[in-house]
Structure formats: structure tokens, C-alpha cells
Amino acid sequence: MKIENIKVCAFDAYGTCFDINSAAEKMAKDIGENWLAFSTTWRTTQLEYTWLRSLMKKHVNFWKITEDSLKFAMENHNINPKFKNQLLDLYKKLNAYPELRDCLIKLKNKNIKTCILSNGTPDLLHQLVTNSNTKDLFDDLISIEKVGVYKPDPKVYALVTDQYNCKPNEVCFMSSNTWDVVGGGVFGYQSVWVDRFNKVFDQLDFMPKFRIKNLSELDKII
């Protein structure tokens, strides 16, 4: 089975293209053996804050949310506050997954438009693609800041169809976040779940037709 009639491949950034745990991992010696649990708390709280702020209509940008969720996670795990700035600096330079660049090159060779659709601010996204040497391979970096609300609000997913003047089913959307896969799929995208860690999919009345282990497998279905 293949995905057909695709004009655009849109990628979630955090967890899909870039390793969200790489900041804490680089400081594992300072944080301690529970660095992954700490990183998980940071990420989970970060997402919860995006949803809560969207529901409360109290928008702040993703960097503010990243700082706030880090403070919570550090207090929760008794991490020395002196490491805060180092962790934030590393978050701006998250490691790209190794297959990202090759995946994008193959899509370019097929004349498919590529973009990031992310909660991240334009500046954060620019830093990520510059640091990972993939800036030249994305046609656009699309931030939710254009609409001032976070995923999975439909207004976010409409940013891609508006940008490229296309229909939702002409967009292939990749995310490692199951709720994001659902959000894109309900909007009408042909959503692909990038299941790097063999997780269980959410029960939200939508299941993607396509599931891949990493971005290198995208070439097999497009």
C-alpha cells in the first residue's frame, strides 16, 4: 500500500525530526541516572501546558512553555537549578535523527514540497534546521505562532493547506506523537505515525493507515 497524490510532506519537529531527550542525555552525568525520567517529565509537562493554555485561551509562545515546564520538571526531580540555562541552550540544538537528511533528499528528488509544522517558534525551528544542516531541504518552517493556538487545533493544520493551496488529503503528515497524528488525520491529512519506540496508539476514534519505525521507511510508501 502506498500514499498517492501527495503534493506536500509536512513533518512535526519535536520527537519526529529531532530527539527531544538529547538535551538531558548530554547532561546525564550532572543530572544522574534518572535523566530519562526527568526528560520525560519535562516533555509531558510541556505538552500539557500547550493544551491547557489553548483551552484557557492564555497563549504564550513555545519557548516560555519550555522554560516553565523545565522549571517544574527540575523541582519535581530535585535537579540543581544551576543546570537550567545549560539545558535550555541544549534544547535549542536538539539532535536530528540520523535519517532525516536522507529522507528529505529523497522527497526532493520526487518533487514533493517539504515543511515543518510545529508548536515551536520560528526562531527555534530556524535554529534546529540550521544546527542539523537541513535548512536547505525544507521549503517552509511553519509555526503555530501564525494562529496563536497549539496543536491539535484544526487552525494549525490548515496552515499547511493555506500555504500550498492544496487539499488536506494531498498532505502527508509525519508525527511521532499519536495525538498529533490523530489531529492531522481528523483534519484530513494522510497521517503517518512515526513509531520509534513501539508504543500503543491512542483511543481517539482515528487510526492511521500507515505506521513506520523511522523516517527512512517513508520512501517505501510514497
C-alpha atoms as a PDB file:
ATOM      1  CA  MET A   1       0.000   0.000   0.000  1.00  0.00           C
ATOM      2  CA  LYS A   2       1.291   3.450  -0.944  1.00  0.00           C
ATOM      3  CA  ILE A   3       0.246   7.025  -0.286  1.00  0.00           C
ATOM      4  CA  GLU A   4      -0.749   8.607  -3.583  1.00  0.00           C
ATOM      5  CA  ASN A   5      -1.420  12.107  -4.933  1.00  0.00           C
ATOM      6  CA  ILE A   6       0.798  13.796  -2.353  1.00  0.00           C
ATOM      7  CA  LYS A   7       1.924  17.364  -3.009  1.00  0.00           C
ATOM      8  CA  VAL A   8       3.380  18.161   0.401  1.00  0.00           C
ATOM      9  CA  CYS A   9       5.140  16.229   3.147  1.00  0.00           C
ATOM     10  CA  ALA A  10       4.737  18.027   6.471  1.00  0.00           C
ATOM     11  CA  PHE A  11       6.815  16.973   9.453  1.00  0.00           C
ATOM     12  CA  ASP A  12       6.267  17.534  13.129  1.00  0.00           C
ATOM     13  CA  ALA A  13       9.580  18.693  14.622  1.00  0.00           C
ATOM     14  CA  TYR A  14       9.904  17.590  18.234  1.00  0.00           C
ATOM     15  CA  GLY A  15      10.196  13.827  18.605  1.00  0.00           C
ATOM     16  CA  THR A  16       9.737  13.240  14.870  1.00  0.00           C
ATOM     17  CA  CYS A  17      12.699  15.008  13.280  1.00  0.00           C
ATOM     18  CA  PHE A  18      14.581  15.911  16.451  1.00  0.00           C
ATOM     19  CA  ASP A  19      15.355  13.853  19.550  1.00  0.00           C
ATOM     20  CA  ILE A  20      13.579  15.529  22.476  1.00  0.00           C
ATOM     21  CA  ASN A  21      15.671  13.599  25.001  1.00  0.00           C
ATOM     22  CA  SER A  22      19.051  14.620  23.615  1.00  0.00           C
ATOM     23  CA  ALA A  23      19.342  17.745  25.784  1.00  0.00           C
ATOM     24  CA  ALA A  24      19.003  15.827  29.056  1.00  0.00           C
ATOM     25  CA  GLU A  25      21.075  12.934  27.747  1.00  0.00           C
ATOM     26  CA  LYS A  26      24.028  15.253  27.112  1.00  0.00           C
ATOM     27  CA  MET A  27      23.876  16.245  30.782  1.00  0.00           C
ATOM     28  CA  ALA A  28      23.270  12.766  32.181  1.00  0.00           C
ATOM     29  CA  LYS A  29      26.455  12.914  34.291  1.00  0.00           C
ATOM     30  CA  ASP A  30      25.189  16.057  36.013  1.00  0.00           C
ATOM     31  CA  ILE A  31      21.528  15.072  36.247  1.00  0.00           C
ATOM     32  CA  GLY A  32      22.108  11.481  37.315  1.00  0.00           C
ATOM     33  CA  GLU A  33      20.894   8.049  36.324  1.00  0.00           C
ATOM     34  CA  ASN A  34      17.253   9.177  36.251  1.00  0.00           C
ATOM     35  CA  TRP A  35      17.909  11.659  33.442  1.00  0.00           C
ATOM     36  CA  LEU A  36      15.412   9.955  31.120  1.00  0.00           C
ATOM     37  CA  ALA A  37      12.600  10.076  33.688  1.00  0.00           C
ATOM     38  CA  PHE A  38      13.385  13.752  34.201  1.00  0.00           C
ATOM     39  CA  SER A  39      13.357  14.357  30.430  1.00  0.00           C
ATOM     40  CA  THR A  40      10.032  12.552  30.129  1.00  0.00           C
ATOM     41  CA  THR A  41       8.503  14.743  32.838  1.00  0.00           C
ATOM     42  CA  TRP A  42       9.816  17.837  31.069  1.00  0.00           C
ATOM     43  CA  ARG A  43       8.282  16.780  27.755  1.00  0.00           C
ATOM     44  CA  THR A  44       4.972  15.587  29.204  1.00  0.00           C
ATOM     45  CA  THR A  45       4.524  18.811  31.164  1.00  0.00           C
ATOM     46  CA  GLN A  46       5.497  20.872  28.122  1.00  0.00           C
ATOM     47  CA  LEU A  47       2.709  19.262  26.081  1.00  0.00           C
ATOM     48  CA  GLU A  48       0.181  19.559  28.894  1.00  0.00           C
ATOM     49  CA  TYR A  49       0.909  23.263  29.168  1.00  0.00           C
ATOM     50  CA  THR A  50       0.291  23.758  25.423  1.00  0.00           C
ATOM     51  CA  TRP A  51      -3.101  22.074  25.681  1.00  0.00           C
ATOM     52  CA  LEU A  52      -4.095  23.858  28.881  1.00  0.00           C
ATOM     53  CA  ARG A  53      -3.100  27.273  27.597  1.00  0.00           C
ATOM     54  CA  SER A  54      -5.010  26.660  24.374  1.00  0.00           C
ATOM     55  CA  LEU A  55      -8.121  25.686  26.323  1.00  0.00           C
ATOM     56  CA  MET A  56      -7.780  28.671  28.654  1.00  0.00           C
ATOM     57  CA  LYS A  57      -7.019  30.990  25.715  1.00  0.00           C
ATOM     58  CA  LYS A  58      -3.913  32.176  27.575  1.00  0.00           C
ATOM     59  CA  HIS A  59      -1.333  31.822  24.824  1.00  0.00           C
ATOM     60  CA  VAL A  60       2.376  32.216  25.410  1.00  0.00           C
ATOM     61  CA  ASN A  61       4.999  31.056  22.944  1.00  0.00           C
ATOM     62  CA  PHE A  62       6.623  27.634  22.995  1.00  0.00           C
ATOM     63  CA  TRP A  63       9.879  28.883  24.464  1.00  0.00           C
ATOM     64  CA  LYS A  64       8.058  30.257  27.520  1.00  0.00           C
ATOM     65  CA  ILE A  65       6.263  26.929  27.880  1.00  0.00           C
ATOM     66  CA  THR A  66       9.578  25.088  27.547  1.00  0.00           C
ATOM     67  CA  GLU A  67      11.077  27.197  30.328  1.00  0.00           C
ATOM     68  CA  ASP A  68       8.055  26.767  32.600  1.00  0.00           C
ATOM     69  CA  SER A  69       7.869  23.011  32.095  1.00  0.00           C
ATOM     70  CA  LEU A  70      11.618  22.692  32.690  1.00  0.00           C
ATOM     71  CA  LYS A  71      11.294  24.523  35.998  1.00  0.00           C
ATOM     72  CA  PHE A  72       8.508  22.155  37.038  1.00  0.00           C
ATOM     73  CA  ALA A  73      10.488  19.064  35.998  1.00  0.00           C
ATOM     74  CA  MET A  74      13.638  20.212  37.777  1.00  0.00           C
ATOM     75  CA  GLU A  75      11.743  20.821  41.005  1.00  0.00           C
ATOM     76  CA  ASN A  76       9.885  17.535  40.624  1.00  0.00           C
ATOM     77  CA  HIS A  77      13.129  15.567  40.214  1.00  0.00           C
ATOM     78  CA  ASN A  78      15.258  17.639  42.586  1.00  0.00           C
ATOM     79  CA  ILE A  79      17.664  18.749  39.857  1.00  0.00           C
ATOM     80  CA  ASN A  80      20.113  21.505  40.794  1.00  0.00           C
ATOM     81  CA  PRO A  81      18.740  24.815  39.386  1.00  0.00           C
ATOM     82  CA  LYS A  82      22.225  25.784  38.218  1.00  0.00           C
ATOM     83  CA  PHE A  83      21.788  23.437  35.241  1.00  0.00           C
ATOM     84  CA  LYS A  84      18.710  25.277  33.915  1.00  0.00           C
ATOM     85  CA  ASN A  85      20.460  27.521  31.394  1.00  0.00           C
ATOM     86  CA  GLN A  86      22.615  24.695  30.067  1.00  0.00           C
ATOM     87  CA  LEU A  87      19.558  22.534  29.477  1.00  0.00           C
ATOM     88  CA  LEU A  88      17.733  25.361  27.727  1.00  0.00           C
ATOM     89  CA  ASP A  89      20.719  26.035  25.483  1.00  0.00           C
ATOM     90  CA  LEU A  90      20.891  22.354  24.563  1.00  0.00           C
ATOM     91  CA  TYR A  91      17.161  22.315  23.796  1.00  0.00           C
ATOM     92  CA  LYS A  92      17.799  24.822  21.039  1.00  0.00           C
ATOM     93  CA  LYS A  93      20.237  22.339  19.479  1.00  0.00           C
ATOM     94  CA  LEU A  94      18.418  19.030  19.785  1.00  0.00           C
ATOM     95  CA  ASN A  95      19.984  16.225  17.802  1.00  0.00           C
ATOM     96  CA  ALA A  96      18.339  15.453  14.476  1.00  0.00           C
ATOM     97  CA  TYR A  97      17.521  11.802  13.933  1.00  0.00           C
ATOM     98  CA  PRO A  98      20.233  10.408  11.663  1.00  0.00           C
ATOM     99  CA  GLU A  99      17.945   9.507   8.769  1.00  0.00           C
ATOM    100  CA  LEU A 100      16.315  12.944   8.478  1.00  0.00           C
ATOM    101  CA  ARG A 101      18.538  14.489   5.826  1.00  0.00           C
ATOM    102  CA  ASP A 102      18.469  11.440   3.551  1.00  0.00           C
ATOM    103  CA  CYS A 103      14.669  11.244   3.867  1.00  0.00           C
ATOM    104  CA  LEU A 104      14.305  14.871   2.796  1.00  0.00           C
ATOM    105  CA  ILE A 105      16.674  14.446  -0.141  1.00  0.00           C
ATOM    106  CA  LYS A 106      14.591  11.546  -1.465  1.00  0.00           C
ATOM    107  CA  LEU A 107      11.414  13.619  -1.222  1.00  0.00           C
ATOM    108  CA  LYS A 108      13.083  16.493  -3.062  1.00  0.00           C
ATOM    109  CA  ASN A 109      14.076  14.094  -5.816  1.00  0.00           C
ATOM    110  CA  LYS A 110      10.390  13.253  -6.187  1.00  0.00           C
ATOM    111  CA  ASN A 111       9.479  16.953  -6.462  1.00  0.00           C
ATOM    112  CA  ILE A 112       7.437  16.875  -3.263  1.00  0.00           C
ATOM    113  CA  LYS A 113       7.269  20.019  -1.159  1.00  0.00           C
ATOM    114  CA  THR A 114       8.584  19.638   2.393  1.00  0.00           C
ATOM    115  CA  CYS A 115       7.844  21.652   5.509  1.00  0.00           C
ATOM    116  CA  ILE A 116       7.879  21.534   9.271  1.00  0.00           C
ATOM    117  CA  LEU A 117       4.589  22.132  11.082  1.00  0.00           C
ATOM    118  CA  SER A 118       5.417  22.703  14.718  1.00  0.00           C
ATOM    119  CA  ASN A 119       4.487  24.214  18.059  1.00  0.00           C
ATOM    120  CA  GLY A 120       7.963  25.723  18.072  1.00  0.00           C
ATOM    121  CA  THR A 121       8.570  29.419  17.455  1.00  0.00           C
ATOM    122  CA  PRO A 122      10.043  30.451  14.086  1.00  0.00           C
ATOM    123  CA  ASP A 123      13.361  31.218  15.781  1.00  0.00           C
ATOM    124  CA  LEU A 124      13.537  27.817  17.487  1.00  0.00           C
ATOM    125  CA  LEU A 125      12.749  25.998  14.248  1.00  0.00           C
ATOM    126  CA  HIS A 126      15.370  28.028  12.380  1.00  0.00           C
ATOM    127  CA  GLN A 127      17.989  27.067  14.964  1.00  0.00           C
ATOM    128  CA  LEU A 128      17.072  23.383  14.780  1.00  0.00           C
ATOM    129  CA  VAL A 129      17.326  23.087  10.997  1.00  0.00           C
ATOM    130  CA  THR A 130      20.474  25.213  10.857  1.00  0.00           C
ATOM    131  CA  ASN A 131      22.185  23.119  13.524  1.00  0.00           C
ATOM    132  CA  SER A 132      21.175  19.885  11.779  1.00  0.00           C
ATOM    133  CA  ASN A 133      22.248  21.042   8.306  1.00  0.00           C
ATOM    134  CA  THR A 134      18.750  20.505   6.878  1.00  0.00           C
ATOM    135  CA  LYS A 135      17.682  24.095   6.316  1.00  0.00           C
ATOM    136  CA  ASP A 136      18.191  23.781   2.563  1.00  0.00           C
ATOM    137  CA  LEU A 137      15.853  20.790   2.384  1.00  0.00           C
ATOM    138  CA  PHE A 138      12.725  22.342   3.906  1.00  0.00           C
ATOM    139  CA  ASP A 139      10.646  24.642   1.736  1.00  0.00           C
ATOM    140  CA  ASP A 140       8.984  26.200   4.781  1.00  0.00           C
ATOM    141  CA  LEU A 141       9.123  26.206   8.565  1.00  0.00           C
ATOM    142  CA  ILE A 142       5.534  26.704   9.707  1.00  0.00           C
ATOM    143  CA  SER A 143       4.922  27.695  13.325  1.00  0.00           C
ATOM    144  CA  ILE A 144       1.667  27.733  15.258  1.00  0.00           C
ATOM    145  CA  GLU A 145       2.527  31.302  16.179  1.00  0.00           C
ATOM    146  CA  LYS A 146       0.722  32.307  12.968  1.00  0.00           C
ATOM    147  CA  VAL A 147      -2.591  31.395  14.611  1.00  0.00           C
ATOM    148  CA  GLY A 148      -1.706  31.696  18.300  1.00  0.00           C
ATOM    149  CA  VAL A 149      -3.038  28.308  19.355  1.00  0.00           C
ATOM    150  CA  TYR A 150      -1.365  24.932  19.749  1.00  0.00           C
ATOM    151  CA  LYS A 151      -1.879  21.563  18.119  1.00  0.00           C
ATOM    152  CA  PRO A 152      -4.226  19.776  17.735  1.00  0.00           C
ATOM    153  CA  ASP A 153      -6.439  22.770  16.943  1.00  0.00           C
ATOM    154  CA  PRO A 154      -7.620  22.464  13.309  1.00  0.00           C
ATOM    155  CA  LYS A 155      -6.439  26.025  12.620  1.00  0.00           C
ATOM    156  CA  VAL A 156      -2.874  24.760  12.954  1.00  0.00           C
ATOM    157  CA  TYR A 157      -3.275  22.014  10.354  1.00  0.00           C
ATOM    158  CA  ALA A 158      -4.940  24.478   7.988  1.00  0.00           C
ATOM    159  CA  LEU A 159      -1.677  26.433   7.884  1.00  0.00           C
ATOM    160  CA  VAL A 160      -0.190  23.846   5.528  1.00  0.00           C
ATOM    161  CA  THR A 161      -3.133  23.704   3.124  1.00  0.00           C
ATOM    162  CA  ASP A 162      -3.256  27.504   3.069  1.00  0.00           C
ATOM    163  CA  GLN A 163       0.479  27.753   2.456  1.00  0.00           C
ATOM    164  CA  TYR A 164       0.450  25.391  -0.516  1.00  0.00           C
ATOM    165  CA  ASN A 165      -3.103  25.943  -1.777  1.00  0.00           C
ATOM    166  CA  CYS A 166      -3.831  22.234  -1.592  1.00  0.00           C
ATOM    167  CA  LYS A 167      -6.427  19.882  -0.175  1.00  0.00           C
ATOM    168  CA  PRO A 168      -5.860  18.149   3.182  1.00  0.00           C
ATOM    169  CA  ASN A 169      -5.621  14.722   1.529  1.00  0.00           C
ATOM    170  CA  GLU A 170      -2.770  15.997  -0.631  1.00  0.00           C
ATOM    171  CA  VAL A 171      -0.673  16.402   2.517  1.00  0.00           C
ATOM    172  CA  CYS A 172       1.300  13.550   4.031  1.00  0.00           C
ATOM    173  CA  PHE A 173       1.882  14.381   7.688  1.00  0.00           C
ATOM    174  CA  MET A 174       4.509  12.657   9.833  1.00  0.00           C
ATOM    175  CA  SER A 175       4.486  12.728  13.623  1.00  0.00           C
ATOM    176  CA  SER A 176       5.755  10.559  16.437  1.00  0.00           C
ATOM    177  CA  ASN A 177       3.062  11.995  18.709  1.00  0.00           C
ATOM    178  CA  THR A 178      -0.073   9.871  18.457  1.00  0.00           C
ATOM    179  CA  TRP A 179      -2.421  12.729  19.407  1.00  0.00           C
ATOM    180  CA  ASP A 180      -0.806  14.827  16.644  1.00  0.00           C
ATOM    181  CA  VAL A 181      -1.290  12.026  14.132  1.00  0.00           C
ATOM    182  CA  VAL A 182      -4.950  11.984  15.144  1.00  0.00           C
ATOM    183  CA  GLY A 183      -5.248  15.765  14.891  1.00  0.00           C
ATOM    184  CA  GLY A 184      -3.815  15.789  11.392  1.00  0.00           C
ATOM    185  CA  GLY A 185      -5.836  12.763  10.339  1.00  0.00           C
ATOM    186  CA  VAL A 186      -9.131  14.193  11.578  1.00  0.00           C
ATOM    187  CA  PHE A 187      -8.340  17.386   9.667  1.00  0.00           C
ATOM    188  CA  GLY A 188      -7.970  15.272   6.528  1.00  0.00           C
ATOM    189  CA  TYR A 189      -4.225  14.740   6.171  1.00  0.00           C
ATOM    190  CA  GLN A 190      -2.857  11.383   5.181  1.00  0.00           C
ATOM    191  CA  SER A 191      -1.184  10.937   8.555  1.00  0.00           C
ATOM    192  CA  VAL A 192       1.765   8.651   9.175  1.00  0.00           C
ATOM    193  CA  TRP A 193       2.733   7.539  12.660  1.00  0.00           C
ATOM    194  CA  VAL A 194       6.500   7.500  13.208  1.00  0.00           C
ATOM    195  CA  ASP A 195       6.551   4.894  15.969  1.00  0.00           C
ATOM    196  CA  ARG A 196      10.196   4.840  17.059  1.00  0.00           C
ATOM    197  CA  PHE A 197       9.586   3.183  20.418  1.00  0.00           C
ATOM    198  CA  ASN A 198       6.835   0.627  19.763  1.00  0.00           C
ATOM    199  CA  LYS A 199       4.175   2.488  21.721  1.00  0.00           C
ATOM    200  CA  VAL A 200       0.416   1.968  21.995  1.00  0.00           C
ATOM    201  CA  PHE A 201      -1.737   4.234  19.856  1.00  0.00           C
ATOM    202  CA  ASP A 202      -4.345   6.484  21.470  1.00  0.00           C
ATOM    203  CA  GLN A 203      -8.053   5.635  21.551  1.00  0.00           C
ATOM    204  CA  LEU A 204      -9.387   8.778  19.877  1.00  0.00           C
ATOM    205  CA  ASP A 205     -11.589   7.342  17.104  1.00  0.00           C
ATOM    206  CA  PHE A 206      -8.877   7.608  14.465  1.00  0.00           C
ATOM    207  CA  MET A 207      -6.204   5.166  13.386  1.00  0.00           C
ATOM    208  CA  PRO A 208      -3.587   5.999  10.751  1.00  0.00           C
ATOM    209  CA  LYS A 209      -3.282   3.737   7.734  1.00  0.00           C
ATOM    210  CA  PHE A 210       0.486   3.989   7.832  1.00  0.00           C
ATOM    211  CA  ARG A 211       2.968   3.292  10.627  1.00  0.00           C
ATOM    212  CA  ILE A 212       6.726   3.455  10.190  1.00  0.00           C
ATOM    213  CA  LYS A 213       9.611   2.873  12.606  1.00  0.00           C
ATOM    214  CA  ASN A 214      11.633   5.865  11.447  1.00  0.00           C
ATOM    215  CA  LEU A 215      11.768   8.358   8.603  1.00  0.00           C
ATOM    216  CA  SER A 216      13.930   6.134   6.419  1.00  0.00           C
ATOM    217  CA  GLU A 217      10.847   3.960   5.839  1.00  0.00           C
ATOM    218  CA  LEU A 218       8.869   6.854   4.359  1.00  0.00           C
ATOM    219  CA  ASP A 219      10.450   6.236   0.967  1.00  0.00           C
ATOM    220  CA  LYS A 220       8.718   2.832   0.828  1.00  0.00           C
ATOM    221  CA  ILE A 221       5.209   4.283   0.993  1.00  0.00           C
ATOM    222  CA  ILE A 222       5.490   7.480  -1.077  1.00  0.00           C
END
